[in-house]
Amino acid sequence: MAPMSNADYLTRIKYADAYEALREAKKASGLTYKELAEKVGVSKMWLASVFDGQQYVPEEYAEKIAAALSVPVEKLAFLTEHPYKGNTDPILYRLHEVIDTYGPAIKAIIHEEGGNAIMSAIDFGLDVDVVTDAEGNHRVKITMDGKLLPYAKKGKYPW
């Protein structure tokens, strides 16, 4: 078992029962994340991360989730608190490995094709699909779409 992280102390233990009840309500509804996301009007990726305690949920979306799952909105009030983000999981390790391996190349391409800029993680879209390739292998397809943000040129250069 992985050592307890700050996230365990600050979020998951504090709301462990509430998150379990939320997951049980989703299971009882028979809805997939995609179907629930369509009812709520959000992306399936964002919604799935809500169920893992990784997202702040504005009150109006907490109300929509409650309605879609037929649970009292008061039971989802915990979702409207800003969570401590982070986790440890083999899939997440691999995602870190991908960024560690390809991050410098991604950075080089962004600078080569986009100039002196970075990718926004605020004005950002994310999707994941499991697809089947021509050989019949299942593959994970992750799409990240962040706004290109040129560095500001304020003050005396180099600042």
N, C-alpha and C. Protein backbone atom coordinates (compact mmCIF):
# COMPACT_ATOMS: atom_id res chain seq x y z
N MET A 1 0.85 -1.19 0.00
CA MET A 1 0.00 0.00 0.00
C MET A 1 0.89 1.24 0.00
N ALA A 2 0.49 2.22 -0.81
CA ALA A 2 1.26 3.46 -0.91
C ALA A 2 1.15 4.25 0.40
N PRO A 3 2.21 4.97 0.76
CA PRO A 3 2.12 5.79 1.97
C PRO A 3 1.02 6.84 1.84
N MET A 4 0.47 7.24 2.96
CA MET A 4 -0.60 8.23 2.94
C MET A 4 -0.03 9.58 2.54
N SER A 5 -0.65 10.20 1.56
CA SER A 5 -0.20 11.49 1.07
C SER A 5 -0.99 12.61 1.75
N ASN A 6 -0.56 13.84 1.46
CA ASN A 6 -1.31 15.00 1.97
C ASN A 6 -2.75 14.97 1.49
N ALA A 7 -2.96 14.52 0.24
CA ALA A 7 -4.31 14.45 -0.29
C ALA A 7 -5.18 13.53 0.56
N ASP A 8 -4.60 12.42 1.02
CA ASP A 8 -5.35 11.51 1.89
C ASP A 8 -5.78 12.22 3.16
N TYR A 9 -4.86 12.95 3.75
CA TYR A 9 -5.16 13.67 4.99
C TYR A 9 -6.17 14.80 4.76
N LEU A 10 -5.95 15.57 3.70
CA LEU A 10 -6.71 16.80 3.54
C LEU A 10 -8.05 16.64 2.86
N THR A 11 -8.21 15.63 2.01
CA THR A 11 -9.45 15.53 1.26
C THR A 11 -10.09 14.17 1.38
N ARG A 12 -9.40 13.15 0.97
CA ARG A 12 -10.04 11.86 0.82
C ARG A 12 -10.54 11.28 2.14
N ILE A 13 -9.78 11.40 3.18
CA ILE A 13 -10.25 10.89 4.47
C ILE A 13 -11.39 11.75 4.99
N LYS A 14 -11.25 13.06 4.85
CA LYS A 14 -12.28 13.99 5.32
C LYS A 14 -13.64 13.70 4.67
N TYR A 15 -13.64 13.39 3.39
CA TYR A 15 -14.89 13.17 2.66
C TYR A 15 -15.01 11.75 2.09
N ALA A 16 -14.29 10.81 2.65
CA ALA A 16 -14.29 9.45 2.11
C ALA A 16 -15.70 8.88 1.99
N ASP A 17 -16.50 9.02 3.02
CA ASP A 17 -17.86 8.48 2.98
C ASP A 17 -18.72 9.19 1.95
N ALA A 18 -18.54 10.51 1.83
CA ALA A 18 -19.33 11.28 0.87
C ALA A 18 -18.97 10.90 -0.57
N TYR A 19 -17.66 10.72 -0.84
CA TYR A 19 -17.25 10.30 -2.19
C TYR A 19 -17.75 8.90 -2.50
N GLU A 20 -17.72 8.02 -1.51
CA GLU A 20 -18.23 6.66 -1.72
C GLU A 20 -19.72 6.70 -2.03
N ALA A 21 -20.47 7.53 -1.31
CA ALA A 21 -21.91 7.66 -1.57
C ALA A 21 -22.16 8.23 -2.97
N LEU A 22 -21.33 9.17 -3.38
CA LEU A 22 -21.45 9.75 -4.73
C LEU A 22 -21.22 8.67 -5.80
N ARG A 23 -20.18 7.88 -5.63
CA ARG A 23 -19.89 6.80 -6.58
C ARG A 23 -21.02 5.75 -6.58
N GLU A 24 -21.56 5.46 -5.40
CA GLU A 24 -22.67 4.51 -5.32
C GLU A 24 -23.91 5.06 -6.03
N ALA A 25 -24.16 6.35 -5.89
CA ALA A 25 -25.32 6.96 -6.57
C ALA A 25 -25.14 6.89 -8.09
N LYS A 26 -23.93 7.11 -8.57
CA LYS A 26 -23.67 6.99 -10.01
C LYS A 26 -23.89 5.55 -10.46
N LYS A 27 -23.36 4.62 -9.71
CA LYS A 27 -23.51 3.20 -10.05
C LYS A 27 -25.00 2.82 -10.08
N ALA A 28 -25.74 3.27 -9.08
CA ALA A 28 -27.17 2.95 -9.01
C ALA A 28 -27.95 3.57 -10.17
N SER A 29 -27.47 4.73 -10.67
CA SER A 29 -28.15 5.39 -11.78
C SER A 29 -27.99 4.63 -13.09
N GLY A 30 -26.92 3.84 -13.19
CA GLY A 30 -26.64 3.12 -14.43
C GLY A 30 -26.04 3.99 -15.51
N LEU A 31 -25.76 5.25 -15.19
CA LEU A 31 -25.21 6.18 -16.17
C LEU A 31 -23.70 6.04 -16.29
N THR A 32 -23.19 6.17 -17.50
CA THR A 32 -21.75 6.25 -17.70
C THR A 32 -21.33 7.70 -17.41
N TYR A 33 -20.02 7.93 -17.30
CA TYR A 33 -19.55 9.30 -17.14
C TYR A 33 -19.98 10.16 -18.33
N LYS A 34 -19.92 9.59 -19.51
CA LYS A 34 -20.30 10.34 -20.72
C LYS A 34 -21.78 10.74 -20.65
N GLU A 35 -22.63 9.79 -20.29
CA GLU A 35 -24.07 10.08 -20.22
C GLU A 35 -24.37 11.11 -19.13
N LEU A 36 -23.75 10.94 -17.98
CA LEU A 36 -23.96 11.89 -16.88
C LEU A 36 -23.45 13.27 -17.27
N ALA A 37 -22.29 13.31 -17.92
CA ALA A 37 -21.72 14.60 -18.35
C ALA A 37 -22.66 15.32 -19.32
N GLU A 38 -23.28 14.57 -20.21
CA GLU A 38 -24.23 15.18 -21.15
C GLU A 38 -25.42 15.77 -20.41
N LYS A 39 -25.91 15.08 -19.39
CA LYS A 39 -27.04 15.59 -18.60
C LYS A 39 -26.66 16.86 -17.83
N VAL A 40 -25.41 16.90 -17.35
CA VAL A 40 -24.96 18.02 -16.52
C VAL A 40 -24.46 19.18 -17.38
N GLY A 41 -24.02 18.88 -18.62
CA GLY A 41 -23.51 19.91 -19.51
C GLY A 41 -22.03 20.20 -19.32
N VAL A 42 -21.25 19.15 -19.01
CA VAL A 42 -19.80 19.28 -18.80
C VAL A 42 -19.09 18.17 -19.57
N SER A 43 -17.75 18.21 -19.58
CA SER A 43 -17.00 17.14 -20.25
C SER A 43 -16.93 15.91 -19.36
N LYS A 44 -16.86 14.75 -19.98
CA LYS A 44 -16.77 13.50 -19.23
C LYS A 44 -15.48 13.43 -18.42
N MET A 45 -14.39 14.01 -18.94
CA MET A 45 -13.12 13.98 -18.22
C MET A 45 -13.20 14.80 -16.94
N TRP A 46 -13.76 15.99 -17.05
CA TRP A 46 -13.90 16.85 -15.87
C TRP A 46 -14.78 16.14 -14.84
N LEU A 47 -15.89 15.59 -15.29
CA LEU A 47 -16.83 14.94 -14.38
C LEU A 47 -16.19 13.73 -13.70
N ALA A 48 -15.48 12.91 -14.45
CA ALA A 48 -14.83 11.74 -13.85
C ALA A 48 -13.83 12.17 -12.78
N SER A 49 -13.13 13.29 -13.01
CA SER A 49 -12.17 13.75 -12.00
C SER A 49 -12.87 14.32 -10.78
N VAL A 50 -14.11 14.78 -10.93
CA VAL A 50 -14.91 15.22 -9.78
C VAL A 50 -15.10 14.05 -8.82
N PHE A 51 -15.39 12.87 -9.38
CA PHE A 51 -15.67 11.69 -8.56
C PHE A 51 -14.44 11.20 -7.81
N ASP A 52 -13.26 11.69 -8.22
CA ASP A 52 -12.02 11.34 -7.53
C ASP A 52 -11.53 12.48 -6.64
N GLY A 53 -12.37 13.49 -6.44
CA GLY A 53 -12.00 14.58 -5.55
C GLY A 53 -10.97 15.54 -6.13
N GLN A 54 -10.88 15.62 -7.45
CA GLN A 54 -9.85 16.43 -8.08
C GLN A 54 -10.36 17.75 -8.65
N GLN A 55 -11.64 18.06 -8.48
CA GLN A 55 -12.19 19.28 -9.06
C GLN A 55 -13.05 20.04 -8.07
N TYR A 56 -12.96 21.35 -8.15
CA TYR A 56 -13.93 22.23 -7.50
C TYR A 56 -15.17 22.22 -8.38
N VAL A 57 -16.35 22.08 -7.78
CA VAL A 57 -17.60 22.04 -8.53
C VAL A 57 -18.43 23.27 -8.15
N PRO A 58 -18.66 24.18 -9.11
CA PRO A 58 -19.54 25.31 -8.82
C PRO A 58 -20.91 24.80 -8.38
N GLU A 59 -21.56 25.57 -7.53
CA GLU A 59 -22.83 25.15 -6.92
C GLU A 59 -23.87 24.74 -7.96
N GLU A 60 -23.95 25.48 -9.07
CA GLU A 60 -24.97 25.15 -10.08
C GLU A 60 -24.72 23.78 -10.71
N TYR A 61 -23.46 23.36 -10.81
CA TYR A 61 -23.17 22.02 -11.34
C TYR A 61 -23.38 20.95 -10.28
N ALA A 62 -23.12 21.25 -9.04
CA ALA A 62 -23.43 20.31 -7.96
C ALA A 62 -24.94 20.03 -7.96
N GLU A 63 -25.74 21.08 -8.19
CA GLU A 63 -27.19 20.91 -8.26
C GLU A 63 -27.59 20.01 -9.43
N LYS A 64 -26.94 20.21 -10.59
CA LYS A 64 -27.25 19.40 -11.77
C LYS A 64 -26.84 17.94 -11.56
N ILE A 65 -25.69 17.72 -10.94
CA ILE A 65 -25.25 16.35 -10.65
C ILE A 65 -26.23 15.68 -9.69
N ALA A 66 -26.63 16.41 -8.66
CA ALA A 66 -27.58 15.87 -7.68
C ALA A 66 -28.90 15.49 -8.37
N ALA A 67 -29.38 16.37 -9.23
CA ALA A 67 -30.65 16.10 -9.92
C ALA A 67 -30.51 14.87 -10.84
N ALA A 68 -29.41 14.80 -11.57
CA ALA A 68 -29.21 13.68 -12.50
C ALA A 68 -29.08 12.35 -11.77
N LEU A 69 -28.53 12.38 -10.55
CA LEU A 69 -28.34 11.15 -9.77
C LEU A 69 -29.47 10.93 -8.75
N SER A 70 -30.43 11.84 -8.73
CA SER A 70 -31.57 11.75 -7.81
C SER A 70 -31.13 11.65 -6.36
N VAL A 71 -30.20 12.54 -5.97
CA VAL A 71 -29.77 12.63 -4.58
C VAL A 71 -29.99 14.06 -4.09
N PRO A 72 -30.23 14.26 -2.81
CA PRO A 72 -30.41 15.62 -2.29
C PRO A 72 -29.14 16.44 -2.51
N VAL A 73 -29.30 17.66 -2.97
CA VAL A 73 -28.15 18.52 -3.27
C VAL A 73 -27.29 18.75 -2.03
N GLU A 74 -27.89 18.71 -0.85
CA GLU A 74 -27.12 18.91 0.39
C GLU A 74 -26.04 17.84 0.55
N LYS A 75 -26.31 16.66 0.01
CA LYS A 75 -25.33 15.56 0.12
C LYS A 75 -24.11 15.78 -0.76
N LEU A 76 -24.20 16.74 -1.69
CA LEU A 76 -23.08 17.03 -2.59
C LEU A 76 -22.42 18.38 -2.29
N ALA A 77 -22.78 19.00 -1.19
CA ALA A 77 -22.21 20.31 -0.83
C ALA A 77 -20.69 20.23 -0.71
N PHE A 78 -20.15 19.08 -0.31
CA PHE A 78 -18.70 18.93 -0.16
C PHE A 78 -17.97 19.16 -1.48
N LEU A 79 -18.66 18.94 -2.60
CA LEU A 79 -18.02 19.13 -3.91
C LEU A 79 -17.71 20.60 -4.20
N THR A 80 -18.38 21.50 -3.51
CA THR A 80 -18.19 22.93 -3.78
C THR A 80 -17.01 23.52 -3.00
N GLU A 81 -16.27 22.67 -2.28
CA GLU A 81 -15.03 23.11 -1.63
C GLU A 81 -13.86 22.84 -2.57
N HIS A 82 -12.86 23.69 -2.55
CA HIS A 82 -11.70 23.49 -3.41
C HIS A 82 -10.86 22.33 -2.88
N PRO A 83 -10.63 21.30 -3.70
CA PRO A 83 -9.91 20.11 -3.23
C PRO A 83 -8.40 20.30 -3.24
N TYR A 84 -7.74 19.46 -2.49
CA TYR A 84 -6.29 19.31 -2.59
C TYR A 84 -6.08 18.30 -3.71
N LYS A 85 -5.37 18.69 -4.76
CA LYS A 85 -5.22 17.81 -5.92
C LYS A 85 -3.95 16.99 -5.83
N GLY A 86 -4.03 15.78 -6.31
CA GLY A 86 -2.88 14.90 -6.36
C GLY A 86 -3.30 13.47 -6.12
N ASN A 87 -2.48 12.52 -6.56
CA ASN A 87 -2.83 11.12 -6.39
C ASN A 87 -1.62 10.26 -6.72
N THR A 88 -1.67 9.01 -6.35
CA THR A 88 -0.66 8.04 -6.75
C THR A 88 -1.38 6.84 -7.32
N ASP A 89 -1.02 6.45 -8.54
CA ASP A 89 -1.69 5.36 -9.22
C ASP A 89 -0.81 4.95 -10.41
N PRO A 90 -0.77 3.68 -10.79
CA PRO A 90 0.07 3.27 -11.92
C PRO A 90 -0.21 4.02 -13.22
N ILE A 91 -1.47 4.31 -13.51
CA ILE A 91 -1.77 5.06 -14.72
C ILE A 91 -1.18 6.46 -14.61
N LEU A 92 -1.30 7.07 -13.43
CA LEU A 92 -0.74 8.41 -13.26
C LEU A 92 0.78 8.39 -13.36
N TYR A 93 1.41 7.34 -12.83
CA TYR A 93 2.87 7.22 -12.98
C TYR A 93 3.23 7.22 -14.46
N ARG A 94 2.46 6.48 -15.28
CA ARG A 94 2.76 6.41 -16.70
C ARG A 94 2.57 7.75 -17.38
N LEU A 95 1.55 8.48 -16.97
CA LEU A 95 1.36 9.82 -17.54
C LEU A 95 2.53 10.73 -17.19
N HIS A 96 3.01 10.63 -15.94
CA HIS A 96 4.20 11.39 -15.56
C HIS A 96 5.39 10.95 -16.41
N GLU A 97 5.51 9.64 -16.63
CA GLU A 97 6.60 9.12 -17.46
C GLU A 97 6.52 9.68 -18.87
N VAL A 98 5.31 9.75 -19.43
CA VAL A 98 5.13 10.30 -20.77
C VAL A 98 5.61 11.76 -20.81
N ILE A 99 5.21 12.54 -19.82
CA ILE A 99 5.62 13.95 -19.77
C ILE A 99 7.12 14.06 -19.53
N ASP A 100 7.66 13.22 -18.64
CA ASP A 100 9.11 13.24 -18.40
C ASP A 100 9.87 12.90 -19.68
N THR A 101 9.36 11.93 -20.45
CA THR A 101 10.03 11.49 -21.66
C THR A 101 9.83 12.47 -22.81
N TYR A 102 8.59 12.89 -23.03
CA TYR A 102 8.27 13.71 -24.19
C TYR A 102 8.12 15.19 -23.89
N GLY A 103 8.10 15.56 -22.61
CA GLY A 103 7.92 16.97 -22.24
C GLY A 103 8.90 17.91 -22.91
N PRO A 104 10.22 17.62 -22.85
CA PRO A 104 11.17 18.51 -23.52
C PRO A 104 10.92 18.63 -25.03
N ALA A 105 10.50 17.53 -25.67
CA ALA A 105 10.20 17.57 -27.10
C ALA A 105 8.94 18.39 -27.36
N ILE A 106 7.93 18.23 -26.49
CA ILE A 106 6.71 19.03 -26.62
C ILE A 106 7.05 20.50 -26.49
N LYS A 107 7.87 20.83 -25.49
CA LYS A 107 8.29 22.21 -25.27
C LYS A 107 9.01 22.75 -26.51
N ALA A 108 9.91 21.96 -27.08
CA ALA A 108 10.67 22.40 -28.26
C ALA A 108 9.73 22.68 -29.44
N ILE A 109 8.76 21.79 -29.64
CA ILE A 109 7.82 21.97 -30.75
C ILE A 109 6.94 23.20 -30.52
N ILE A 110 6.48 23.39 -29.28
CA ILE A 110 5.67 24.58 -28.97
C ILE A 110 6.46 25.84 -29.29
N HIS A 111 7.72 25.90 -28.88
CA HIS A 111 8.53 27.09 -29.16
C HIS A 111 8.85 27.23 -30.64
N GLU A 112 9.11 26.11 -31.31
CA GLU A 112 9.43 26.15 -32.73
C GLU A 112 8.23 26.60 -33.57
N GLU A 113 7.05 26.08 -33.23
CA GLU A 113 5.87 26.38 -34.04
C GLU A 113 5.03 27.52 -33.49
N GLY A 114 5.12 27.79 -32.19
CA GLY A 114 4.28 28.82 -31.58
C GLY A 114 5.04 30.04 -31.09
N GLY A 115 6.37 29.98 -31.16
CA GLY A 115 7.17 31.12 -30.72
C GLY A 115 7.45 31.06 -29.23
N ASN A 116 7.76 32.21 -28.67
CA ASN A 116 8.10 32.33 -27.25
C ASN A 116 6.80 32.29 -26.44
N ALA A 117 6.31 31.06 -26.18
CA ALA A 117 5.00 30.91 -25.57
C ALA A 117 4.93 29.61 -24.77
N ILE A 118 3.85 29.49 -24.00
CA ILE A 118 3.57 28.27 -23.24
C ILE A 118 2.14 27.83 -23.54
N MET A 119 1.78 26.64 -23.06
CA MET A 119 0.41 26.15 -23.19
C MET A 119 -0.32 26.42 -21.88
N SER A 120 -1.51 27.01 -21.99
CA SER A 120 -2.33 27.27 -20.82
C SER A 120 -2.87 25.97 -20.24
N ALA A 121 -2.90 25.90 -18.91
CA ALA A 121 -3.57 24.79 -18.23
C ALA A 121 -4.90 25.28 -17.64
N ILE A 122 -5.23 26.54 -17.89
CA ILE A 122 -6.50 27.10 -17.43
C ILE A 122 -7.48 27.14 -18.60
N ASP A 123 -7.06 27.74 -19.73
CA ASP A 123 -7.87 27.72 -20.94
C ASP A 123 -7.47 26.44 -21.67
N PHE A 124 -8.07 25.32 -21.25
CA PHE A 124 -7.54 24.01 -21.57
C PHE A 124 -8.65 23.00 -21.74
N GLY A 125 -8.50 22.12 -22.71
CA GLY A 125 -9.43 21.02 -22.90
C GLY A 125 -8.69 19.69 -22.83
N LEU A 126 -9.38 18.66 -22.37
CA LEU A 126 -8.78 17.34 -22.24
C LEU A 126 -9.85 16.30 -22.53
N ASP A 127 -9.46 15.28 -23.31
CA ASP A 127 -10.37 14.17 -23.56
C ASP A 127 -9.56 12.89 -23.64
N VAL A 128 -10.19 11.79 -23.34
CA VAL A 128 -9.55 10.47 -23.43
C VAL A 128 -10.55 9.49 -24.02
N ASP A 129 -10.06 8.66 -24.92
CA ASP A 129 -10.88 7.62 -25.53
C ASP A 129 -10.06 6.34 -25.60
N VAL A 130 -10.74 5.21 -25.54
CA VAL A 130 -10.10 3.93 -25.81
C VAL A 130 -10.58 3.53 -27.20
N VAL A 131 -9.62 3.35 -28.12
CA VAL A 131 -9.94 3.06 -29.51
C VAL A 131 -9.28 1.73 -29.90
N THR A 132 -9.73 1.17 -31.01
CA THR A 132 -9.15 -0.06 -31.54
C THR A 132 -8.42 0.28 -32.83
N ASP A 133 -7.15 -0.14 -32.92
CA ASP A 133 -6.37 0.16 -34.13
C ASP A 133 -6.63 -0.90 -35.20
N ALA A 134 -5.98 -0.75 -36.35
CA ALA A 134 -6.20 -1.65 -37.49
C ALA A 134 -5.85 -3.10 -37.18
N GLU A 135 -4.93 -3.32 -36.22
CA GLU A 135 -4.55 -4.67 -35.85
C GLU A 135 -5.44 -5.26 -34.76
N GLY A 136 -6.44 -4.50 -34.31
CA GLY A 136 -7.34 -4.98 -33.27
C GLY A 136 -6.86 -4.72 -31.85
N ASN A 137 -5.77 -3.97 -31.70
CA ASN A 137 -5.26 -3.62 -30.37
C ASN A 137 -6.04 -2.44 -29.80
N HIS A 138 -6.33 -2.50 -28.52
CA HIS A 138 -6.95 -1.37 -27.84
C HIS A 138 -5.86 -0.36 -27.51
N ARG A 139 -6.14 0.90 -27.79
CA ARG A 139 -5.18 1.97 -27.57
C ARG A 139 -5.86 3.09 -26.80
N VAL A 140 -5.07 3.80 -26.01
CA VAL A 140 -5.57 4.95 -25.27
C VAL A 140 -5.18 6.20 -26.06
N LYS A 141 -6.17 7.02 -26.35
CA LYS A 141 -5.94 8.26 -27.11
C LYS A 141 -6.27 9.43 -26.19
N ILE A 142 -5.26 10.23 -25.88
CA ILE A 142 -5.42 11.40 -25.01
C ILE A 142 -5.22 12.65 -25.86
N THR A 143 -6.17 13.56 -25.78
CA THR A 143 -6.09 14.81 -26.51
C THR A 143 -6.05 15.95 -25.50
N MET A 144 -4.98 16.76 -25.58
CA MET A 144 -4.86 17.96 -24.75
C MET A 144 -4.90 19.16 -25.68
N ASP A 145 -5.67 20.17 -25.30
CA ASP A 145 -5.86 21.34 -26.14
C ASP A 145 -5.78 22.58 -25.26
N GLY A 146 -4.59 23.18 -25.19
CA GLY A 146 -4.40 24.37 -24.37
C GLY A 146 -4.13 25.60 -25.22
N LYS A 147 -4.66 26.72 -24.78
CA LYS A 147 -4.44 27.98 -25.49
C LYS A 147 -2.95 28.31 -25.48
N LEU A 148 -2.44 28.78 -26.60
CA LEU A 148 -1.05 29.21 -26.69
C LEU A 148 -0.94 30.60 -26.07
N LEU A 149 -0.10 30.72 -25.05
CA LEU A 149 0.06 31.98 -24.32
C LEU A 149 1.46 32.54 -24.54
N PRO A 150 1.59 33.55 -25.39
CA PRO A 150 2.92 34.17 -25.57
C PRO A 150 3.38 34.81 -24.27
N TYR A 151 4.68 34.73 -24.02
CA TYR A 151 5.24 35.40 -22.86
C TYR A 151 5.08 36.89 -23.03
N ALA A 152 4.75 37.59 -21.95
CA ALA A 152 4.60 39.04 -21.98
C ALA A 152 5.98 39.68 -22.10
N LYS A 153 6.01 40.84 -22.72
CA LYS A 153 7.26 41.58 -22.89
C LYS A 153 7.16 42.89 -22.12
N LYS A 154 7.00 42.77 -20.82
CA LYS A 154 6.87 43.96 -19.97
C LYS A 154 8.19 44.19 -19.25
N GLY A 155 8.51 45.43 -19.05
CA GLY A 155 9.74 45.74 -18.33
C GLY A 155 10.94 45.68 -19.24
N LYS A 156 12.10 45.79 -18.63
CA LYS A 156 13.35 45.78 -19.38
C LYS A 156 13.77 44.33 -19.59
N TYR A 157 14.15 44.00 -20.84
CA TYR A 157 14.58 42.64 -21.17
C TYR A 157 16.09 42.53 -21.00
N PRO A 158 16.63 41.44 -20.46
CA PRO A 158 15.86 40.34 -19.89
C PRO A 158 15.35 40.71 -18.51
N TRP A 159 14.18 40.30 -18.23
CA TRP A 159 13.58 40.64 -16.95
C TRP A 159 13.94 39.62 -16.00
